[in-house]
Amino acid sequence: MDLQTETQRLLGQIKAQADPPYQGVIQRSIPSPLQVYGLRVWQIRQIVRAWRREHRDVSIDDLLPLVEALWAGESREERLIALELPQHYPFALSQLIWEHFDRWRRDLDNWELTDVLGVGVLGPWVAASIERGEQHLWDLVQDQDIWSRRLGLVSIVGLNRARAGVDLTSLGLGLIDQVKEQPDRTMTRAISWVLRELGKEHPGEVAAYLEANVDLLPKQVLREVTNKLTTGRKDGSRKK
């Protein structure tokens, strides 16, 4: 596989689907210096699925350089494809090492890429060996960089989904303890999301955590998580 040819071909597909009106929507909701072509997430996934159909037998020696090249691209869409690709090749996740994540997280500058990396890649990677990866999550949530802190926290969502049936509440609540008093909206929304995710399987423990931390957690978190526990929706409306 010719690396330059593949990266240019994927970039060409991105450009062919560029949507200038939606580009503005993304730039307002996800501020970043990256180039934005305006593709929706489903379009990104469509591109990746088509690529996988053509490269079912791709080797790790070809796939990882492509991921790295796309991550080094100048656009949001290239980086999203870079993060989507390993999710379609289980063997690729198993070949990643912490140095990959440590390098990628230093380029994070917005919530979208942070969440895709955490939920789609880092969380499942930790799930494969919690003993190997748990300490990295603790280190991340204590990092000076806010996107690293969010990455460590939202990875619990991906870890929880990958290890369905394994009680990860203690780990998740412990990580939240490290950031629960940080007022930045970036962390507030991440805390709410993780608590709502943990509450799906362990509502009693999450409810008890809210009660014990009612004076420390942001009001938005208390409201959204309580709503989720009582109505099934974070806005408090009942499911039909």
C-alpha atoms as a PDB file:
ATOM      1  CA  MET A   1       0.000   0.000   0.000  1.00  0.00           C
ATOM      2  CA  ASP A   2       1.346   3.388  -0.979  1.00  0.00           C
ATOM      3  CA  LEU A   3       0.895   5.656   2.032  1.00  0.00           C
ATOM      4  CA  GLN A   4       0.848   8.942   0.162  1.00  0.00           C
ATOM      5  CA  THR A   5      -1.647   7.633  -2.374  1.00  0.00           C
ATOM      6  CA  GLU A   6      -4.032   6.411   0.322  1.00  0.00           C
ATOM      7  CA  THR A   7      -3.890   9.586   2.393  1.00  0.00           C
ATOM      8  CA  GLN A   8      -4.494  11.728  -0.681  1.00  0.00           C
ATOM      9  CA  ARG A   9      -7.340   9.491  -1.818  1.00  0.00           C
ATOM     10  CA  LEU A  10      -9.053   9.765   1.556  1.00  0.00           C
ATOM     11  CA  LEU A  11      -8.523  13.510   1.613  1.00  0.00           C
ATOM     12  CA  GLY A  12     -10.030  13.680  -1.859  1.00  0.00           C
ATOM     13  CA  GLN A  13     -13.148  11.887  -0.608  1.00  0.00           C
ATOM     14  CA  ILE A  14     -13.379  14.359   2.254  1.00  0.00           C
ATOM     15  CA  LYS A  15     -13.125  17.337  -0.071  1.00  0.00           C
ATOM     16  CA  ALA A  16     -15.690  15.852  -2.454  1.00  0.00           C
ATOM     17  CA  GLN A  17     -18.270  15.822   0.366  1.00  0.00           C
ATOM     18  CA  ALA A  18     -17.399  19.225   1.806  1.00  0.00           C
ATOM     19  CA  ASP A  19     -20.445  21.116   3.072  1.00  0.00           C
ATOM     20  CA  PRO A  20     -19.667  24.850   3.535  1.00  0.00           C
ATOM     21  CA  PRO A  21     -22.921  25.695   5.394  1.00  0.00           C
ATOM     22  CA  TYR A  22     -22.385  22.877   7.906  1.00  0.00           C
ATOM     23  CA  GLN A  23     -18.725  23.833   8.111  1.00  0.00           C
ATOM     24  CA  GLY A  24     -19.793  27.018   9.875  1.00  0.00           C
ATOM     25  CA  VAL A  25     -21.953  25.065  12.320  1.00  0.00           C
ATOM     26  CA  ILE A  26     -19.011  22.877  13.292  1.00  0.00           C
ATOM     27  CA  GLN A  27     -16.607  25.783  13.631  1.00  0.00           C
ATOM     28  CA  ARG A  28     -18.986  27.516  16.034  1.00  0.00           C
ATOM     29  CA  SER A  29     -19.718  24.460  18.160  1.00  0.00           C
ATOM     30  CA  ILE A  30     -16.226  22.920  18.084  1.00  0.00           C
ATOM     31  CA  PRO A  31     -13.688  25.776  18.023  1.00  0.00           C
ATOM     32  CA  SER A  32     -10.335  24.610  16.678  1.00  0.00           C
ATOM     33  CA  PRO A  33      -7.574  25.890  14.390  1.00  0.00           C
ATOM     34  CA  LEU A  34      -7.949  22.756  12.276  1.00  0.00           C
ATOM     35  CA  GLN A  35      -9.339  22.986   8.757  1.00  0.00           C
ATOM     36  CA  VAL A  36     -13.008  21.988   8.677  1.00  0.00           C
ATOM     37  CA  TYR A  37     -14.729  20.592   5.583  1.00  0.00           C
ATOM     38  CA  GLY A  38     -18.126  20.159   7.207  1.00  0.00           C
ATOM     39  CA  LEU A  39     -18.623  16.389   7.057  1.00  0.00           C
ATOM     40  CA  ARG A  40     -21.053  14.769   9.458  1.00  0.00           C
ATOM     41  CA  VAL A  41     -19.885  11.883  11.604  1.00  0.00           C
ATOM     42  CA  TRP A  42     -21.943   9.399   9.589  1.00  0.00           C
ATOM     43  CA  GLN A  43     -20.095  10.495   6.454  1.00  0.00           C
ATOM     44  CA  ILE A  44     -16.751   9.903   8.159  1.00  0.00           C
ATOM     45  CA  ARG A  45     -17.869   6.418   9.136  1.00  0.00           C
ATOM     46  CA  GLN A  46     -19.125   5.764   5.628  1.00  0.00           C
ATOM     47  CA  ILE A  47     -15.710   6.617   4.201  1.00  0.00           C
ATOM     48  CA  VAL A  48     -13.985   4.333   6.706  1.00  0.00           C
ATOM     49  CA  ARG A  49     -16.369   1.427   6.082  1.00  0.00           C
ATOM     50  CA  ALA A  50     -15.778   1.713   2.338  1.00  0.00           C
ATOM     51  CA  TRP A  51     -12.010   1.773   2.896  1.00  0.00           C
ATOM     52  CA  ARG A  52     -12.219  -1.300   5.105  1.00  0.00           C
ATOM     53  CA  ARG A  53     -14.143  -3.227   2.459  1.00  0.00           C
ATOM     54  CA  GLU A  54     -11.256  -2.573   0.080  1.00  0.00           C
ATOM     55  CA  HIS A  55      -8.577  -3.386   2.667  1.00  0.00           C
ATOM     56  CA  ARG A  56      -9.884  -6.287   4.729  1.00  0.00           C
ATOM     57  CA  ASP A  57      -6.443  -7.863   4.935  1.00  0.00           C
ATOM     58  CA  VAL A  58      -4.408  -4.733   5.608  1.00  0.00           C
ATOM     59  CA  SER A  59      -1.374  -5.349   7.794  1.00  0.00           C
ATOM     60  CA  ILE A  60      -0.548  -3.440  10.954  1.00  0.00           C
ATOM     61  CA  ASP A  61       2.598  -2.217   9.206  1.00  0.00           C
ATOM     62  CA  ASP A  62       0.416  -0.450   6.659  1.00  0.00           C
ATOM     63  CA  LEU A  63      -2.485   0.568   8.881  1.00  0.00           C
ATOM     64  CA  LEU A  64      -0.652   2.339  11.692  1.00  0.00           C
ATOM     65  CA  PRO A  65       1.416   4.574   9.379  1.00  0.00           C
ATOM     66  CA  LEU A  66      -1.851   5.562   7.662  1.00  0.00           C
ATOM     67  CA  VAL A  67      -3.412   6.402  11.024  1.00  0.00           C
ATOM     68  CA  GLU A  68      -0.390   8.494  11.941  1.00  0.00           C
ATOM     69  CA  ALA A  69      -0.372  10.281   8.583  1.00  0.00           C
ATOM     70  CA  LEU A  70      -4.052  11.142   8.855  1.00  0.00           C
ATOM     71  CA  TRP A  71      -3.629  12.334  12.438  1.00  0.00           C
ATOM     72  CA  ALA A  72      -0.870  14.625  11.208  1.00  0.00           C
ATOM     73  CA  GLY A  73      -3.263  16.081   8.616  1.00  0.00           C
ATOM     74  CA  GLU A  74      -4.494  19.640   8.748  1.00  0.00           C
ATOM     75  CA  SER A  75      -8.212  18.921   8.953  1.00  0.00           C
ATOM     76  CA  ARG A  76     -10.738  17.796  11.520  1.00  0.00           C
ATOM     77  CA  GLU A  77     -11.992  15.149   9.120  1.00  0.00           C
ATOM     78  CA  GLU A  78      -8.588  13.560   8.574  1.00  0.00           C
ATOM     79  CA  ARG A  79      -8.124  13.217  12.310  1.00  0.00           C
ATOM     80  CA  LEU A  80     -11.582  11.735  12.757  1.00  0.00           C
ATOM     81  CA  ILE A  81     -10.801   9.113  10.113  1.00  0.00           C
ATOM     82  CA  ALA A  82      -7.500   8.413  11.876  1.00  0.00           C
ATOM     83  CA  LEU A  83      -9.396   7.627  15.074  1.00  0.00           C
ATOM     84  CA  GLU A  84     -12.162   5.696  13.343  1.00  0.00           C
ATOM     85  CA  LEU A  85      -9.846   3.305  11.496  1.00  0.00           C
ATOM     86  CA  PRO A  86      -8.477   1.371  14.526  1.00  0.00           C
ATOM     87  CA  GLN A  87     -12.027   0.794  15.731  1.00  0.00           C
ATOM     88  CA  HIS A  88     -12.678  -1.299  12.620  1.00  0.00           C
ATOM     89  CA  TYR A  89      -9.578  -3.457  13.087  1.00  0.00           C
ATOM     90  CA  PRO A  90      -9.420  -5.128  16.518  1.00  0.00           C
ATOM     91  CA  PHE A  91      -5.857  -6.272  15.890  1.00  0.00           C
ATOM     92  CA  ALA A  92      -4.824  -2.622  15.515  1.00  0.00           C
ATOM     93  CA  LEU A  93      -6.060  -1.734  18.990  1.00  0.00           C
ATOM     94  CA  SER A  94      -4.042  -4.571  20.446  1.00  0.00           C
ATOM     95  CA  GLN A  95      -0.895  -3.263  18.754  1.00  0.00           C
ATOM     96  CA  LEU A  96      -1.180   0.249  20.120  1.00  0.00           C
ATOM     97  CA  ILE A  97       1.070   1.221  22.997  1.00  0.00           C
ATOM     98  CA  TRP A  98       0.764   4.085  25.460  1.00  0.00           C
ATOM     99  CA  GLU A  99       3.248   6.176  23.473  1.00  0.00           C
ATOM    100  CA  HIS A 100       0.667   6.459  20.678  1.00  0.00           C
ATOM    101  CA  PHE A 101      -1.947   7.925  23.011  1.00  0.00           C
ATOM    102  CA  ASP A 102       0.559  10.106  24.800  1.00  0.00           C
ATOM    103  CA  ARG A 103       1.582  11.665  21.503  1.00  0.00           C
ATOM    104  CA  TRP A 104      -1.952  12.076  20.133  1.00  0.00           C
ATOM    105  CA  ARG A 105      -3.360  13.629  23.296  1.00  0.00           C
ATOM    106  CA  ARG A 106      -0.841  16.456  23.090  1.00  0.00           C
ATOM    107  CA  ASP A 107      -2.503  17.576  19.834  1.00  0.00           C
ATOM    108  CA  LEU A 108      -6.021  17.684  21.287  1.00  0.00           C
ATOM    109  CA  ASP A 109      -7.682  21.095  21.283  1.00  0.00           C
ATOM    110  CA  ASN A 110     -11.429  20.386  21.216  1.00  0.00           C
ATOM    111  CA  TRP A 111     -14.024  18.166  22.848  1.00  0.00           C
ATOM    112  CA  GLU A 112     -14.984  16.225  19.709  1.00  0.00           C
ATOM    113  CA  LEU A 113     -11.592  14.678  18.982  1.00  0.00           C
ATOM    114  CA  THR A 114     -10.975  14.204  22.700  1.00  0.00           C
ATOM    115  CA  ASP A 115     -14.177  12.240  23.114  1.00  0.00           C
ATOM    116  CA  VAL A 116     -13.676  10.114  20.002  1.00  0.00           C
ATOM    117  CA  LEU A 117     -10.145   9.237  21.111  1.00  0.00           C
ATOM    118  CA  GLY A 118     -11.275   8.478  24.659  1.00  0.00           C
ATOM    119  CA  VAL A 119     -14.488   6.579  24.005  1.00  0.00           C
ATOM    120  CA  GLY A 120     -13.610   4.890  20.723  1.00  0.00           C
ATOM    121  CA  VAL A 121      -9.928   4.061  21.139  1.00  0.00           C
ATOM    122  CA  LEU A 122      -8.360   4.649  24.562  1.00  0.00           C
ATOM    123  CA  GLY A 123     -11.280   3.237  26.564  1.00  0.00           C
ATOM    124  CA  PRO A 124     -11.370  -0.060  24.640  1.00  0.00           C
ATOM    125  CA  TRP A 125      -7.562  -0.220  24.778  1.00  0.00           C
ATOM    126  CA  VAL A 126      -7.645   0.046  28.566  1.00  0.00           C
ATOM    127  CA  ALA A 127     -10.497  -2.477  28.659  1.00  0.00           C
ATOM    128  CA  ALA A 128      -8.242  -5.091  27.077  1.00  0.00           C
ATOM    129  CA  SER A 129      -5.977  -4.838  30.123  1.00  0.00           C
ATOM    130  CA  ILE A 130      -7.228  -2.666  32.952  1.00  0.00           C
ATOM    131  CA  GLU A 131      -4.093  -3.435  34.936  1.00  0.00           C
ATOM    132  CA  ARG A 132      -1.991  -2.036  32.088  1.00  0.00           C
ATOM    133  CA  GLY A 133      -4.060   1.050  31.402  1.00  0.00           C
ATOM    134  CA  GLU A 134      -5.715   2.195  34.625  1.00  0.00           C
ATOM    135  CA  GLN A 135      -2.730   4.195  35.880  1.00  0.00           C
ATOM    136  CA  HIS A 136      -2.671   6.155  32.636  1.00  0.00           C
ATOM    137  CA  LEU A 137      -6.239   7.315  33.293  1.00  0.00           C
ATOM    138  CA  TRP A 138      -5.264   8.494  36.777  1.00  0.00           C
ATOM    139  CA  ASP A 139      -2.296  10.356  35.324  1.00  0.00           C
ATOM    140  CA  LEU A 140      -4.457  11.966  32.640  1.00  0.00           C
ATOM    141  CA  VAL A 141      -7.114  13.336  34.999  1.00  0.00           C
ATOM    142  CA  GLN A 142      -4.374  14.984  37.035  1.00  0.00           C
ATOM    143  CA  ASP A 143      -2.622  16.519  34.035  1.00  0.00           C
ATOM    144  CA  GLN A 144      -2.323  20.300  33.699  1.00  0.00           C
ATOM    145  CA  ASP A 145      -3.880  20.237  30.226  1.00  0.00           C
ATOM    146  CA  ILE A 146      -7.675  20.308  30.325  1.00  0.00           C
ATOM    147  CA  TRP A 147      -8.089  18.137  27.217  1.00  0.00           C
ATOM    148  CA  SER A 148      -5.900  15.452  28.767  1.00  0.00           C
ATOM    149  CA  ARG A 149      -8.038  15.587  31.902  1.00  0.00           C
ATOM    150  CA  ARG A 150     -11.200  15.230  29.855  1.00  0.00           C
ATOM    151  CA  LEU A 151      -9.628  12.405  27.837  1.00  0.00           C
ATOM    152  CA  GLY A 152      -8.849  10.432  30.973  1.00  0.00           C
ATOM    153  CA  LEU A 153     -12.363  10.909  32.287  1.00  0.00           C
ATOM    154  CA  VAL A 154     -14.442  10.185  29.177  1.00  0.00           C
ATOM    155  CA  SER A 155     -12.378   7.069  28.489  1.00  0.00           C
ATOM    156  CA  ILE A 156     -14.461   5.523  31.270  1.00  0.00           C
ATOM    157  CA  VAL A 157     -17.435   5.621  28.888  1.00  0.00           C
ATOM    158  CA  GLY A 158     -15.573   3.539  26.305  1.00  0.00           C
ATOM    159  CA  LEU A 159     -14.115   1.282  28.981  1.00  0.00           C
ATOM    160  CA  ASN A 160     -17.524   0.726  30.540  1.00  0.00           C
ATOM    161  CA  ARG A 161     -19.071  -0.190  27.193  1.00  0.00           C
ATOM    162  CA  ALA A 162     -16.224  -2.516  26.259  1.00  0.00           C
ATOM    163  CA  ARG A 163     -16.312  -4.296  29.611  1.00  0.00           C
ATOM    164  CA  ALA A 164     -20.076  -4.634  29.951  1.00  0.00           C
ATOM    165  CA  GLY A 165     -20.905  -6.597  33.074  1.00  0.00           C
ATOM    166  CA  VAL A 166     -17.745  -5.520  34.910  1.00  0.00           C
ATOM    167  CA  ASP A 167     -18.386  -3.047  37.733  1.00  0.00           C
ATOM    168  CA  LEU A 168     -16.217  -0.021  36.967  1.00  0.00           C
ATOM    169  CA  THR A 169     -18.150   2.361  39.176  1.00  0.00           C
ATOM    170  CA  SER A 170     -15.418   2.654  41.789  1.00  0.00           C
ATOM    171  CA  LEU A 171     -12.828   3.570  39.165  1.00  0.00           C
ATOM    172  CA  GLY A 172     -15.137   6.040  37.448  1.00  0.00           C
ATOM    173  CA  LEU A 173     -16.162   7.782  40.660  1.00  0.00           C
ATOM    174  CA  GLY A 174     -12.559   7.886  41.796  1.00  0.00           C
ATOM    175  CA  LEU A 175     -11.521   9.669  38.616  1.00  0.00           C
ATOM    176  CA  ILE A 176     -14.415  12.103  38.965  1.00  0.00           C
ATOM    177  CA  ASP A 177     -13.228  12.892  42.489  1.00  0.00           C
ATOM    178  CA  GLN A 178     -10.060  14.329  40.956  1.00  0.00           C
ATOM    179  CA  VAL A 179     -11.937  16.885  38.824  1.00  0.00           C
ATOM    180  CA  LYS A 180     -15.356  17.385  40.418  1.00  0.00           C
ATOM    181  CA  GLU A 181     -14.557  20.868  41.735  1.00  0.00           C
ATOM    182  CA  GLN A 182     -13.192  22.203  38.463  1.00  0.00           C
ATOM    183  CA  PRO A 183     -15.655  24.828  37.181  1.00  0.00           C
ATOM    184  CA  ASP A 184     -14.776  24.686  33.490  1.00  0.00           C
ATOM    185  CA  ARG A 185     -17.724  23.636  31.288  1.00  0.00           C
ATOM    186  CA  THR A 186     -15.440  21.218  29.477  1.00  0.00           C
ATOM    187  CA  MET A 187     -15.094  19.153  32.630  1.00  0.00           C
ATOM    188  CA  THR A 188     -18.632  19.751  33.876  1.00  0.00           C
ATOM    189  CA  ARG A 189     -20.105  18.170  30.759  1.00  0.00           C
ATOM    190  CA  ALA A 190     -17.652  15.266  30.918  1.00  0.00           C
ATOM    191  CA  ILE A 191     -18.503  14.578  34.574  1.00  0.00           C
ATOM    192  CA  SER A 192     -22.205  14.592  33.794  1.00  0.00           C
ATOM    193  CA  TRP A 193     -21.726  12.230  30.861  1.00  0.00           C
ATOM    194  CA  VAL A 194     -19.640   9.722  32.818  1.00  0.00           C
ATOM    195  CA  LEU A 195     -22.052   9.695  35.768  1.00  0.00           C
ATOM    196  CA  ARG A 196     -25.013   9.192  33.443  1.00  0.00           C
ATOM    197  CA  GLU A 197     -23.180   6.332  31.752  1.00  0.00           C
ATOM    198  CA  LEU A 198     -22.319   4.638  35.068  1.00  0.00           C
ATOM    199  CA  GLY A 199     -25.868   5.172  36.287  1.00  0.00           C
ATOM    200  CA  LYS A 200     -27.270   2.918  33.560  1.00  0.00           C
ATOM    201  CA  GLU A 201     -26.017  -0.192  35.376  1.00  0.00           C
ATOM    202  CA  HIS A 202     -25.390   1.133  38.873  1.00  0.00           C
ATOM    203  CA  PRO A 203     -28.015   3.785  39.606  1.00  0.00           C
ATOM    204  CA  GLY A 204     -27.884   3.286  43.367  1.00  0.00           C
ATOM    205  CA  GLU A 205     -24.164   3.957  43.607  1.00  0.00           C
ATOM    206  CA  VAL A 206     -24.404   7.008  41.379  1.00  0.00           C
ATOM    207  CA  ALA A 207     -27.344   8.396  43.342  1.00  0.00           C
ATOM    208  CA  ALA A 208     -25.399   7.917  46.574  1.00  0.00           C
ATOM    209  CA  TYR A 209     -22.426   9.718  45.032  1.00  0.00           C
ATOM    210  CA  LEU A 210     -24.606  12.676  44.079  1.00  0.00           C
ATOM    211  CA  GLU A 211     -25.968  12.880  47.613  1.00  0.00           C
ATOM    212  CA  ALA A 212     -22.500  12.701  49.168  1.00  0.00           C
ATOM    213  CA  ASN A 213     -21.166  15.403  46.849  1.00  0.00           C
ATOM    214  CA  VAL A 214     -24.163  17.695  46.572  1.00  0.00           C
ATOM    215  CA  ASP A 215     -22.114  20.690  47.729  1.00  0.00           C
ATOM    216  CA  LEU A 216     -19.146  19.946  45.475  1.00  0.00           C
ATOM    217  CA  LEU A 217     -20.548  18.888  42.117  1.00  0.00           C
ATOM    218  CA  PRO A 218     -21.661  21.569  39.623  1.00  0.00           C
ATOM    219  CA  LYS A 219     -25.405  22.207  39.632  1.00  0.00           C
ATOM    220  CA  GLN A 220     -25.600  21.196  35.976  1.00  0.00           C
ATOM    221  CA  VAL A 221     -24.189  17.781  36.851  1.00  0.00           C
ATOM    222  CA  LEU A 222     -26.602  17.305  39.749  1.00  0.00           C
ATOM    223  CA  ARG A 223     -29.555  18.294  37.578  1.00  0.00           C
ATOM    224  CA  GLU A 224     -28.710  16.237  34.508  1.00  0.00           C
ATOM    225  CA  VAL A 225     -27.693  13.082  36.341  1.00  0.00           C
ATOM    226  CA  THR A 226     -30.692  13.214  38.675  1.00  0.00           C
ATOM    227  CA  ASN A 227     -32.947  13.671  35.667  1.00  0.00           C
ATOM    228  CA  LYS A 228     -31.333  10.716  33.930  1.00  0.00           C
ATOM    229  CA  LEU A 229     -31.754   8.488  36.975  1.00  0.00           C
ATOM    230  CA  THR A 230     -35.404   9.406  37.482  1.00  0.00           C
ATOM    231  CA  THR A 231     -36.740   9.852  33.955  1.00  0.00           C
ATOM    232  CA  GLY A 232     -34.197   8.226  31.658  1.00  0.00           C
ATOM    233  CA  ARG A 233     -33.314  11.556  30.023  1.00  0.00           C
ATOM    234  CA  LYS A 234     -30.908  14.240  31.116  1.00  0.00           C
ATOM    235  CA  ASP A 235     -33.411  16.995  30.322  1.00  0.00           C
ATOM    236  CA  GLY A 236     -35.977  15.432  32.641  1.00  0.00           C
ATOM    237  CA  SER A 237     -38.551  14.556  29.990  1.00  0.00           C
ATOM    238  CA  ARG A 238     -40.083  11.116  30.176  1.00  0.00           C
ATOM    239  CA  LYS A 239     -39.291   8.496  27.565  1.00  0.00           C
ATOM    240  CA  LYS A 240     -42.274   7.669  25.422  1.00  0.00           C
END
